[in-house]
Amino acid sequence: MTLKSFGQKANYFLRTLLFCIICFIFTFLLFWTFCYSLHIFYLFVLALVVAAVAFVRKKNRKFITITLCIAILIFLLSTPYNLRQYNQHSEAYQAQINNGYHLKLREKLGIYGTLLIITVGDFIPFPEASKQNFYLLFPKENKTRVFYDNDFLGAPDIQKMLHLKGKNEVAWNKWGERFNGNFRFAAAFDPCTLEITNDGDHKKATLVTYFHYRQNYTTHNANHYLYGLFAFRIDEGLFWYLQHEGWLHPYTSVWIARFDK
């Protein structure tokens, strides 16, 4: 195989991979916006029809890719409107649950898809919360999961406790200042206990939290300077409902870190 032919095959593979990723994102958003009854769903249907006609007429893949990307771009640009609809429907679902009614399969799938979006969206800013959400999707017989990671030692409220002996509750100060060093970790570990023990030449920090969603609890989130435009609500009660229905699986999350004495 010559260097030129290898480069051509590598280029083809990367373009195919990118096309598959775009198709996956488009399909997920099409399905999720349908489940959540968002108006933007009809735009995705239109884009799908255009892409299907192009495929039947044997248009090149570039045209189909551009069509799908335009639909995704419009979805992103219309985020404020989509969020308003999302908030209204989430509130309605929560009220329905509070009144003792069951949700339809489509509505449950929409909520499940929301958790998937949160899990992916949290991957970079809140990796611990993202990881815990991911494992919430899978049942485990003993309902305990153990993670080995030293990152949580960087939280200011954790650092203040590293000299303590025994098991103590962490009093998170995540709202003390906007975007403080605790926020990332409190999003995953509030509430939790921290136990410091000796481990040979080092010390061991064992953080334990019961990871689950609370009944009828709502968190309101928004960009600080554009409040209202990008405001969105996370109804933990909807995820609690999926736990109750057996779609999500709460567990005890144990995080272990070692550090110098």
C-alpha atoms as a PDB file:
ATOM      1  CA  MET A   1       0.000   0.000   0.000  1.00  0.00           C
ATOM      2  CA  THR A   2       1.427   3.341  -1.022  1.00  0.00           C
ATOM      3  CA  LEU A   3       1.384   6.401   1.199  1.00  0.00           C
ATOM      4  CA  LYS A   4      -1.086   8.062  -1.172  1.00  0.00           C
ATOM      5  CA  SER A   5      -3.551   5.158  -1.120  1.00  0.00           C
ATOM      6  CA  PHE A   6      -3.272   4.935   2.675  1.00  0.00           C
ATOM      7  CA  GLY A   7      -4.035   8.645   2.953  1.00  0.00           C
ATOM      8  CA  GLN A   8      -7.073   8.246   0.694  1.00  0.00           C
ATOM      9  CA  LYS A   9      -8.420   5.358   2.751  1.00  0.00           C
ATOM     10  CA  ALA A  10      -7.803   7.202   6.009  1.00  0.00           C
ATOM     11  CA  ASN A  11      -9.564  10.266   4.637  1.00  0.00           C
ATOM     12  CA  TYR A  12     -12.512   8.150   3.499  1.00  0.00           C
ATOM     13  CA  PHE A  13     -12.710   6.464   6.902  1.00  0.00           C
ATOM     14  CA  LEU A  14     -12.719   9.804   8.749  1.00  0.00           C
ATOM     15  CA  ARG A  15     -15.382  11.256   6.463  1.00  0.00           C
ATOM     16  CA  THR A  16     -17.517   8.137   6.942  1.00  0.00           C
ATOM     17  CA  LEU A  17     -17.065   8.302  10.704  1.00  0.00           C
ATOM     18  CA  LEU A  18     -18.057  11.983  10.755  1.00  0.00           C
ATOM     19  CA  PHE A  19     -21.116  11.212   8.624  1.00  0.00           C
ATOM     20  CA  CYS A  20     -22.166   8.433  11.024  1.00  0.00           C
ATOM     21  CA  ILE A  21     -21.749  10.743  14.042  1.00  0.00           C
ATOM     22  CA  ILE A  22     -23.869  13.451  12.395  1.00  0.00           C
ATOM     23  CA  CYS A  23     -26.535  10.872  11.506  1.00  0.00           C
ATOM     24  CA  PHE A  24     -26.560   9.578  15.078  1.00  0.00           C
ATOM     25  CA  ILE A  25     -26.914  13.078  16.585  1.00  0.00           C
ATOM     26  CA  PHE A  26     -29.644  13.957  14.086  1.00  0.00           C
ATOM     27  CA  THR A  27     -31.561  10.726  14.762  1.00  0.00           C
ATOM     28  CA  PHE A  28     -31.312  11.190  18.531  1.00  0.00           C
ATOM     29  CA  LEU A  29     -32.563  14.785  18.362  1.00  0.00           C
ATOM     30  CA  LEU A  30     -35.354  13.776  15.982  1.00  0.00           C
ATOM     31  CA  PHE A  31     -36.517  11.097  18.408  1.00  0.00           C
ATOM     32  CA  TRP A  32     -36.065  13.224  21.552  1.00  0.00           C
ATOM     33  CA  THR A  33     -37.887  16.287  20.195  1.00  0.00           C
ATOM     34  CA  PHE A  34     -40.742  13.985  19.152  1.00  0.00           C
ATOM     35  CA  CYS A  35     -40.949  12.456  22.647  1.00  0.00           C
ATOM     36  CA  TYR A  36     -40.922  15.913  24.258  1.00  0.00           C
ATOM     37  CA  SER A  37     -43.405  17.305  21.704  1.00  0.00           C
ATOM     38  CA  LEU A  38     -41.147  20.205  20.706  1.00  0.00           C
ATOM     39  CA  HIS A  39     -42.080  22.180  17.600  1.00  0.00           C
ATOM     40  CA  ILE A  40     -38.535  21.893  16.265  1.00  0.00           C
ATOM     41  CA  PHE A  41     -39.360  18.212  15.633  1.00  0.00           C
ATOM     42  CA  TYR A  42     -41.157  19.192  12.416  1.00  0.00           C
ATOM     43  CA  LEU A  43     -37.993  20.839  11.103  1.00  0.00           C
ATOM     44  CA  PHE A  44     -36.122  17.579  11.683  1.00  0.00           C
ATOM     45  CA  VAL A  45     -38.846  15.692   9.811  1.00  0.00           C
ATOM     46  CA  LEU A  46     -38.508  18.107   6.887  1.00  0.00           C
ATOM     47  CA  ALA A  47     -34.728  17.682   6.871  1.00  0.00           C
ATOM     48  CA  LEU A  48     -35.174  13.898   6.982  1.00  0.00           C
ATOM     49  CA  VAL A  49     -37.517  13.999   4.001  1.00  0.00           C
ATOM     50  CA  VAL A  50     -35.071  16.151   2.024  1.00  0.00           C
ATOM     51  CA  ALA A  51     -32.199  13.794   2.924  1.00  0.00           C
ATOM     52  CA  ALA A  52     -34.288  10.733   1.982  1.00  0.00           C
ATOM     53  CA  VAL A  53     -35.224  12.217  -1.400  1.00  0.00           C
ATOM     54  CA  ALA A  54     -31.579  13.080  -2.029  1.00  0.00           C
ATOM     55  CA  PHE A  55     -30.580   9.507  -1.155  1.00  0.00           C
ATOM     56  CA  VAL A  56     -33.184   8.036  -3.531  1.00  0.00           C
ATOM     57  CA  ARG A  57     -32.012  10.348  -6.317  1.00  0.00           C
ATOM     58  CA  LYS A  58     -28.436   9.269  -5.556  1.00  0.00           C
ATOM     59  CA  LYS A  59     -27.193  12.688  -4.558  1.00  0.00           C
ATOM     60  CA  ASN A  60     -23.728  12.629  -3.044  1.00  0.00           C
ATOM     61  CA  ARG A  61     -23.288  12.168   0.679  1.00  0.00           C
ATOM     62  CA  LYS A  62     -22.047  15.730   1.048  1.00  0.00           C
ATOM     63  CA  PHE A  63     -25.501  17.130   0.251  1.00  0.00           C
ATOM     64  CA  ILE A  64     -27.155  14.854   2.820  1.00  0.00           C
ATOM     65  CA  THR A  65     -24.554  15.789   5.444  1.00  0.00           C
ATOM     66  CA  ILE A  66     -25.099  19.510   4.856  1.00  0.00           C
ATOM     67  CA  THR A  67     -28.875  19.055   5.118  1.00  0.00           C
ATOM     68  CA  LEU A  68     -28.613  17.277   8.466  1.00  0.00           C
ATOM     69  CA  CYS A  69     -26.067  19.799   9.774  1.00  0.00           C
ATOM     70  CA  ILE A  70     -28.346  22.729   8.865  1.00  0.00           C
ATOM     71  CA  ALA A  71     -31.168  21.147  10.873  1.00  0.00           C
ATOM     72  CA  ILE A  72     -28.883  20.627  13.879  1.00  0.00           C
ATOM     73  CA  LEU A  73     -27.571  24.209  13.581  1.00  0.00           C
ATOM     74  CA  ILE A  74     -31.108  25.631  13.509  1.00  0.00           C
ATOM     75  CA  PHE A  75     -31.916  23.523  16.576  1.00  0.00           C
ATOM     76  CA  LEU A  76     -28.971  25.099  18.408  1.00  0.00           C
ATOM     77  CA  LEU A  77     -29.811  28.638  17.276  1.00  0.00           C
ATOM     78  CA  SER A  78     -33.411  28.227  18.440  1.00  0.00           C
ATOM     79  CA  THR A  79     -32.327  27.057  21.905  1.00  0.00           C
ATOM     80  CA  PRO A  80     -34.168  29.827  23.852  1.00  0.00           C
ATOM     81  CA  TYR A  81     -37.489  28.892  22.231  1.00  0.00           C
ATOM     82  CA  ASN A  82     -36.837  25.162  22.602  1.00  0.00           C
ATOM     83  CA  LEU A  83     -35.976  25.614  26.283  1.00  0.00           C
ATOM     84  CA  ARG A  84     -39.220  27.473  26.973  1.00  0.00           C
ATOM     85  CA  GLN A  85     -41.177  24.585  25.499  1.00  0.00           C
ATOM     86  CA  TYR A  86     -39.043  22.050  27.331  1.00  0.00           C
ATOM     87  CA  ASN A  87     -39.614  23.846  30.653  1.00  0.00           C
ATOM     88  CA  GLN A  88     -43.371  23.957  30.130  1.00  0.00           C
ATOM     89  CA  HIS A  89     -43.601  20.261  29.307  1.00  0.00           C
ATOM     90  CA  SER A  90     -41.300  19.242  32.166  1.00  0.00           C
ATOM     91  CA  GLU A  91     -43.442  21.214  34.595  1.00  0.00           C
ATOM     92  CA  ALA A  92     -46.575  19.566  33.203  1.00  0.00           C
ATOM     93  CA  TYR A  93     -45.042  16.086  33.522  1.00  0.00           C
ATOM     94  CA  GLN A  94     -44.058  16.787  37.116  1.00  0.00           C
ATOM     95  CA  ALA A  95     -47.566  18.016  37.944  1.00  0.00           C
ATOM     96  CA  GLN A  96     -49.021  14.887  36.384  1.00  0.00           C
ATOM     97  CA  ILE A  97     -46.783  12.683  38.544  1.00  0.00           C
ATOM     98  CA  ASN A  98     -47.609  14.704  41.666  1.00  0.00           C
ATOM     99  CA  ASN A  99     -51.302  14.173  40.982  1.00  0.00           C
ATOM    100  CA  GLY A 100     -50.820  10.413  40.911  1.00  0.00           C
ATOM    101  CA  TYR A 101     -51.020   9.861  37.155  1.00  0.00           C
ATOM    102  CA  HIS A 102     -48.623   7.711  35.134  1.00  0.00           C
ATOM    103  CA  LEU A 103     -46.714   9.047  32.142  1.00  0.00           C
ATOM    104  CA  LYS A 104     -46.995   7.579  28.668  1.00  0.00           C
ATOM    105  CA  LEU A 105     -44.152   5.577  27.146  1.00  0.00           C
ATOM    106  CA  ARG A 106     -43.259   8.459  24.829  1.00  0.00           C
ATOM    107  CA  GLU A 107     -42.992  10.854  27.766  1.00  0.00           C
ATOM    108  CA  LYS A 108     -40.812   8.408  29.721  1.00  0.00           C
ATOM    109  CA  LEU A 109     -38.517   8.041  26.711  1.00  0.00           C
ATOM    110  CA  GLY A 110     -38.271  11.835  26.467  1.00  0.00           C
ATOM    111  CA  ILE A 111     -37.205  12.093  30.116  1.00  0.00           C
ATOM    112  CA  TYR A 112     -34.710   9.257  29.635  1.00  0.00           C
ATOM    113  CA  GLY A 113     -33.294  11.106  26.624  1.00  0.00           C
ATOM    114  CA  THR A 114     -32.968  14.260  28.727  1.00  0.00           C
ATOM    115  CA  LEU A 115     -30.814  12.373  31.218  1.00  0.00           C
ATOM    116  CA  LEU A 116     -28.621  11.151  28.344  1.00  0.00           C
ATOM    117  CA  ILE A 117     -28.200  14.757  27.160  1.00  0.00           C
ATOM    118  CA  ILE A 118     -27.269  15.861  30.699  1.00  0.00           C
ATOM    119  CA  THR A 119     -24.803  12.970  31.010  1.00  0.00           C
ATOM    120  CA  VAL A 120     -23.032  13.909  27.770  1.00  0.00           C
ATOM    121  CA  GLY A 121     -23.241  17.650  28.466  1.00  0.00           C
ATOM    122  CA  ASP A 122     -21.685  17.232  31.925  1.00  0.00           C
ATOM    123  CA  PHE A 123     -18.772  15.150  30.656  1.00  0.00           C
ATOM    124  CA  ILE A 124     -16.279  18.042  30.546  1.00  0.00           C
ATOM    125  CA  PRO A 125     -17.471  20.555  33.199  1.00  0.00           C
ATOM    126  CA  PHE A 126     -18.757  17.950  35.699  1.00  0.00           C
ATOM    127  CA  PRO A 127     -17.039  14.624  34.909  1.00  0.00           C
ATOM    128  CA  GLU A 128     -17.878  13.020  38.280  1.00  0.00           C
ATOM    129  CA  ALA A 129     -21.591  13.798  37.940  1.00  0.00           C
ATOM    130  CA  SER A 130     -21.508  12.590  34.335  1.00  0.00           C
ATOM    131  CA  LYS A 131     -19.901   9.294  35.317  1.00  0.00           C
ATOM    132  CA  GLN A 132     -22.392   8.707  38.112  1.00  0.00           C
ATOM    133  CA  ASN A 133     -25.318   9.497  35.809  1.00  0.00           C
ATOM    134  CA  PHE A 134     -23.953   7.022  33.255  1.00  0.00           C
ATOM    135  CA  TYR A 135     -23.874   4.160  35.735  1.00  0.00           C
ATOM    136  CA  LEU A 136     -27.368   5.082  36.898  1.00  0.00           C
ATOM    137  CA  LEU A 137     -28.543   3.590  33.589  1.00  0.00           C
ATOM    138  CA  PHE A 138     -27.417   0.078  34.526  1.00  0.00           C
ATOM    139  CA  PRO A 139     -28.567  -2.130  37.412  1.00  0.00           C
ATOM    140  CA  LYS A 140     -26.040  -3.629  39.830  1.00  0.00           C
ATOM    141  CA  GLU A 141     -26.873  -6.432  42.213  1.00  0.00           C
ATOM    142  CA  ASN A 142     -25.117  -5.081  45.308  1.00  0.00           C
ATOM    143  CA  LYS A 143     -26.026  -1.464  44.438  1.00  0.00           C
ATOM    144  CA  THR A 144     -22.521  -0.203  45.203  1.00  0.00           C
ATOM    145  CA  ARG A 145     -19.970   1.178  42.748  1.00  0.00           C
ATOM    146  CA  VAL A 146     -16.351   2.012  43.581  1.00  0.00           C
ATOM    147  CA  PHE A 147     -14.281   4.640  41.747  1.00  0.00           C
ATOM    148  CA  TYR A 148     -10.586   5.447  42.199  1.00  0.00           C
ATOM    149  CA  ASP A 149      -9.827   9.092  41.530  1.00  0.00           C
ATOM    150  CA  ASN A 150      -7.833  11.813  43.329  1.00  0.00           C
ATOM    151  CA  ASP A 151      -9.514  14.778  41.650  1.00  0.00           C
ATOM    152  CA  PHE A 152     -12.102  15.359  44.369  1.00  0.00           C
ATOM    153  CA  LEU A 153      -9.265  16.123  46.800  1.00  0.00           C
ATOM    154  CA  GLY A 154      -8.966  19.478  45.018  1.00  0.00           C
ATOM    155  CA  ALA A 155     -12.340  20.694  46.311  1.00  0.00           C
ATOM    156  CA  PRO A 156     -11.771  23.451  48.925  1.00  0.00           C
ATOM    157  CA  ASP A 157     -14.316  21.958  51.327  1.00  0.00           C
ATOM    158  CA  ILE A 158     -12.597  18.560  51.015  1.00  0.00           C
ATOM    159  CA  GLN A 159      -9.117  20.015  51.570  1.00  0.00           C
ATOM    160  CA  LYS A 160     -10.272  21.546  54.871  1.00  0.00           C
ATOM    161  CA  MET A 161     -11.143  18.046  56.110  1.00  0.00           C
ATOM    162  CA  LEU A 162      -8.037  16.094  55.078  1.00  0.00           C
ATOM    163  CA  HIS A 163      -6.466  16.509  58.524  1.00  0.00           C
ATOM    164  CA  LEU A 164      -9.515  15.080  60.313  1.00  0.00           C
ATOM    165  CA  LYS A 165      -9.690  11.507  61.508  1.00  0.00           C
ATOM    166  CA  GLY A 166     -12.666   9.200  61.087  1.00  0.00           C
ATOM    167  CA  LYS A 167     -15.869   9.735  59.138  1.00  0.00           C
ATOM    168  CA  ASN A 168     -17.426  13.194  58.795  1.00  0.00           C
ATOM    169  CA  GLU A 169     -20.139  14.805  56.699  1.00  0.00           C
ATOM    170  CA  VAL A 170     -19.019  17.325  54.088  1.00  0.00           C
ATOM    171  CA  ALA A 171     -20.755  20.704  54.481  1.00  0.00           C
ATOM    172  CA  TRP A 172     -20.584  21.832  50.861  1.00  0.00           C
ATOM    173  CA  ASN A 173     -20.414  25.568  50.223  1.00  0.00           C
ATOM    174  CA  LYS A 174     -21.163  25.236  46.507  1.00  0.00           C
ATOM    175  CA  TRP A 175     -23.171  28.481  46.309  1.00  0.00           C
ATOM    176  CA  GLY A 176     -20.710  30.541  48.349  1.00  0.00           C
ATOM    177  CA  GLU A 177     -19.434  32.145  45.175  1.00  0.00           C
ATOM    178  CA  ARG A 178     -20.294  31.605  41.554  1.00  0.00           C
ATOM    179  CA  PHE A 179     -18.216  28.890  39.895  1.00  0.00           C
ATOM    180  CA  ASN A 180     -16.136  28.259  43.007  1.00  0.00           C
ATOM    181  CA  GLY A 181     -13.888  25.212  43.359  1.00  0.00           C
ATOM    182  CA  ASN A 182     -16.580  23.218  45.144  1.00  0.00           C
ATOM    183  CA  PHE A 183     -19.249  23.526  42.486  1.00  0.00           C
ATOM    184  CA  ARG A 184     -18.004  20.758  40.187  1.00  0.00           C
ATOM    185  CA  PHE A 185     -17.749  18.230  43.006  1.00  0.00           C
ATOM    186  CA  ALA A 186     -20.822  19.253  44.974  1.00  0.00           C
ATOM    187  CA  ALA A 187     -22.877  18.665  41.837  1.00  0.00           C
ATOM    188  CA  ALA A 188     -21.965  14.990  42.156  1.00  0.00           C
ATOM    189  CA  PHE A 189     -21.359  14.455  45.872  1.00  0.00           C
ATOM    190  CA  ASP A 190     -23.859  16.583  47.787  1.00  0.00           C
ATOM    191  CA  PRO A 191     -24.577  15.141  50.340  1.00  0.00           C
ATOM    192  CA  CYS A 192     -21.696  12.811  51.224  1.00  0.00           C
ATOM    193  CA  THR A 193     -19.396  11.625  53.993  1.00  0.00           C
ATOM    194  CA  LEU A 194     -15.607  11.652  53.960  1.00  0.00           C
ATOM    195  CA  GLU A 195     -13.467   9.218  55.948  1.00  0.00           C
ATOM    196  CA  ILE A 196      -9.708   9.714  56.334  1.00  0.00           C
ATOM    197  CA  THR A 197      -7.649   6.652  57.316  1.00  0.00           C
ATOM    198  CA  ASN A 198      -3.984   5.647  57.295  1.00  0.00           C
ATOM    199  CA  ASP A 199      -2.883   3.453  54.407  1.00  0.00           C
ATOM    200  CA  GLY A 200       0.790   2.549  54.828  1.00  0.00           C
ATOM    201  CA  ASP A 201       2.969   5.497  53.890  1.00  0.00           C
ATOM    202  CA  HIS A 202      -0.082   7.391  52.645  1.00  0.00           C
ATOM    203  CA  LYS A 203      -3.508   8.433  53.774  1.00  0.00           C
ATOM    204  CA  LYS A 204      -6.717   7.228  52.178  1.00  0.00           C
ATOM    205  CA  ALA A 205      -9.777   9.397  51.639  1.00  0.00           C
ATOM    206  CA  THR A 206     -13.044   7.519  51.143  1.00  0.00           C
ATOM    207  CA  LEU A 207     -15.967   9.599  49.955  1.00  0.00           C
ATOM    208  CA  VAL A 208     -19.400   7.939  50.043  1.00  0.00           C
ATOM    209  CA  THR A 209     -22.628   9.280  48.582  1.00  0.00           C
ATOM    210  CA  TYR A 210     -25.954   7.699  47.721  1.00  0.00           C
ATOM    211  CA  PHE A 211     -26.498   8.684  44.104  1.00  0.00           C
ATOM    212  CA  HIS A 212     -30.148   9.077  43.245  1.00  0.00           C
ATOM    213  CA  TYR A 213     -32.722  11.668  42.240  1.00  0.00           C
ATOM    214  CA  ARG A 214     -35.148  13.221  44.702  1.00  0.00           C
ATOM    215  CA  GLN A 215     -38.913  13.176  44.550  1.00  0.00           C
ATOM    216  CA  ASN A 216     -40.614  16.388  43.407  1.00  0.00           C
ATOM    217  CA  TYR A 217     -37.404  18.464  43.504  1.00  0.00           C
ATOM    218  CA  THR A 218     -36.585  21.055  40.849  1.00  0.00           C
ATOM    219  CA  THR A 219     -33.352  22.935  40.129  1.00  0.00           C
ATOM    220  CA  HIS A 220     -33.607  26.148  38.099  1.00  0.00           C
ATOM    221  CA  ASN A 221     -30.568  26.954  35.962  1.00  0.00           C
ATOM    222  CA  ALA A 222     -29.776  29.950  33.798  1.00  0.00           C
ATOM    223  CA  ASN A 223     -26.961  31.988  32.369  1.00  0.00           C
ATOM    224  CA  HIS A 224     -26.237  34.728  34.917  1.00  0.00           C
ATOM    225  CA  TYR A 225     -26.162  37.620  32.438  1.00  0.00           C
ATOM    226  CA  LEU A 226     -28.898  36.408  30.103  1.00  0.00           C
ATOM    227  CA  TYR A 227     -31.308  35.166  32.725  1.00  0.00           C
ATOM    228  CA  GLY A 228     -34.575  34.037  31.177  1.00  0.00           C
ATOM    229  CA  LEU A 229     -33.205  33.606  27.674  1.00  0.00           C
ATOM    230  CA  PHE A 230     -31.423  30.335  28.441  1.00  0.00           C
ATOM    231  CA  ALA A 231     -33.235  29.452  31.673  1.00  0.00           C
ATOM    232  CA  PHE A 232     -34.011  25.783  32.043  1.00  0.00           C
ATOM    233  CA  ARG A 233     -35.251  23.552  34.796  1.00  0.00           C
ATOM    234  CA  ILE A 234     -34.055  20.126  35.856  1.00  0.00           C
ATOM    235  CA  ASP A 235     -36.932  18.285  37.461  1.00  0.00           C
ATOM    236  CA  GLU A 236     -35.308  15.628  39.596  1.00  0.00           C
ATOM    237  CA  GLY A 237     -38.812  14.359  40.264  1.00  0.00           C
ATOM    238  CA  LEU A 238     -39.018  13.166  36.656  1.00  0.00           C
ATOM    239  CA  PHE A 239     -35.844  11.109  37.042  1.00  0.00           C
ATOM    240  CA  TRP A 240     -37.130   9.918  40.420  1.00  0.00           C
ATOM    241  CA  TYR A 241     -40.213   8.683  38.577  1.00  0.00           C
ATOM    242  CA  LEU A 242     -37.998   6.677  36.199  1.00  0.00           C
ATOM    243  CA  GLN A 243     -36.241   5.232  39.254  1.00  0.00           C
ATOM    244  CA  HIS A 244     -39.649   4.273  40.643  1.00  0.00           C
ATOM    245  CA  GLU A 245     -40.530   2.669  37.302  1.00  0.00           C
ATOM    246  CA  GLY A 246     -37.261   0.691  37.248  1.00  0.00           C
ATOM    247  CA  TRP A 247     -35.707   2.579  34.329  1.00  0.00           C
ATOM    248  CA  LEU A 248     -32.921   4.071  36.470  1.00  0.00           C
ATOM    249  CA  HIS A 249     -30.987   2.357  39.227  1.00  0.00           C
ATOM    250  CA  PRO A 250     -29.783   4.325  42.302  1.00  0.00           C
ATOM    251  CA  TYR A 251     -26.640   3.086  44.029  1.00  0.00           C
ATOM    252  CA  THR A 252     -24.092   3.894  46.702  1.00  0.00           C
ATOM    253  CA  SER A 253     -21.135   5.623  45.058  1.00  0.00           C
ATOM    254  CA  VAL A 254     -17.744   5.168  46.752  1.00  0.00           C
ATOM    255  CA  TRP A 255     -14.773   7.298  45.659  1.00  0.00           C
ATOM    256  CA  ILE A 256     -11.294   6.413  46.950  1.00  0.00           C
ATOM    257  CA  ALA A 257      -8.194   8.615  46.778  1.00  0.00           C
ATOM    258  CA  ARG A 258      -4.729   8.319  48.318  1.00  0.00           C
ATOM    259  CA  PHE A 259      -2.455  11.201  49.256  1.00  0.00           C
ATOM    260  CA  ASP A 260       0.762  11.871  51.164  1.00  0.00           C
ATOM    261  CA  LYS A 261       0.656  12.197  54.916  1.00  0.00           C
END
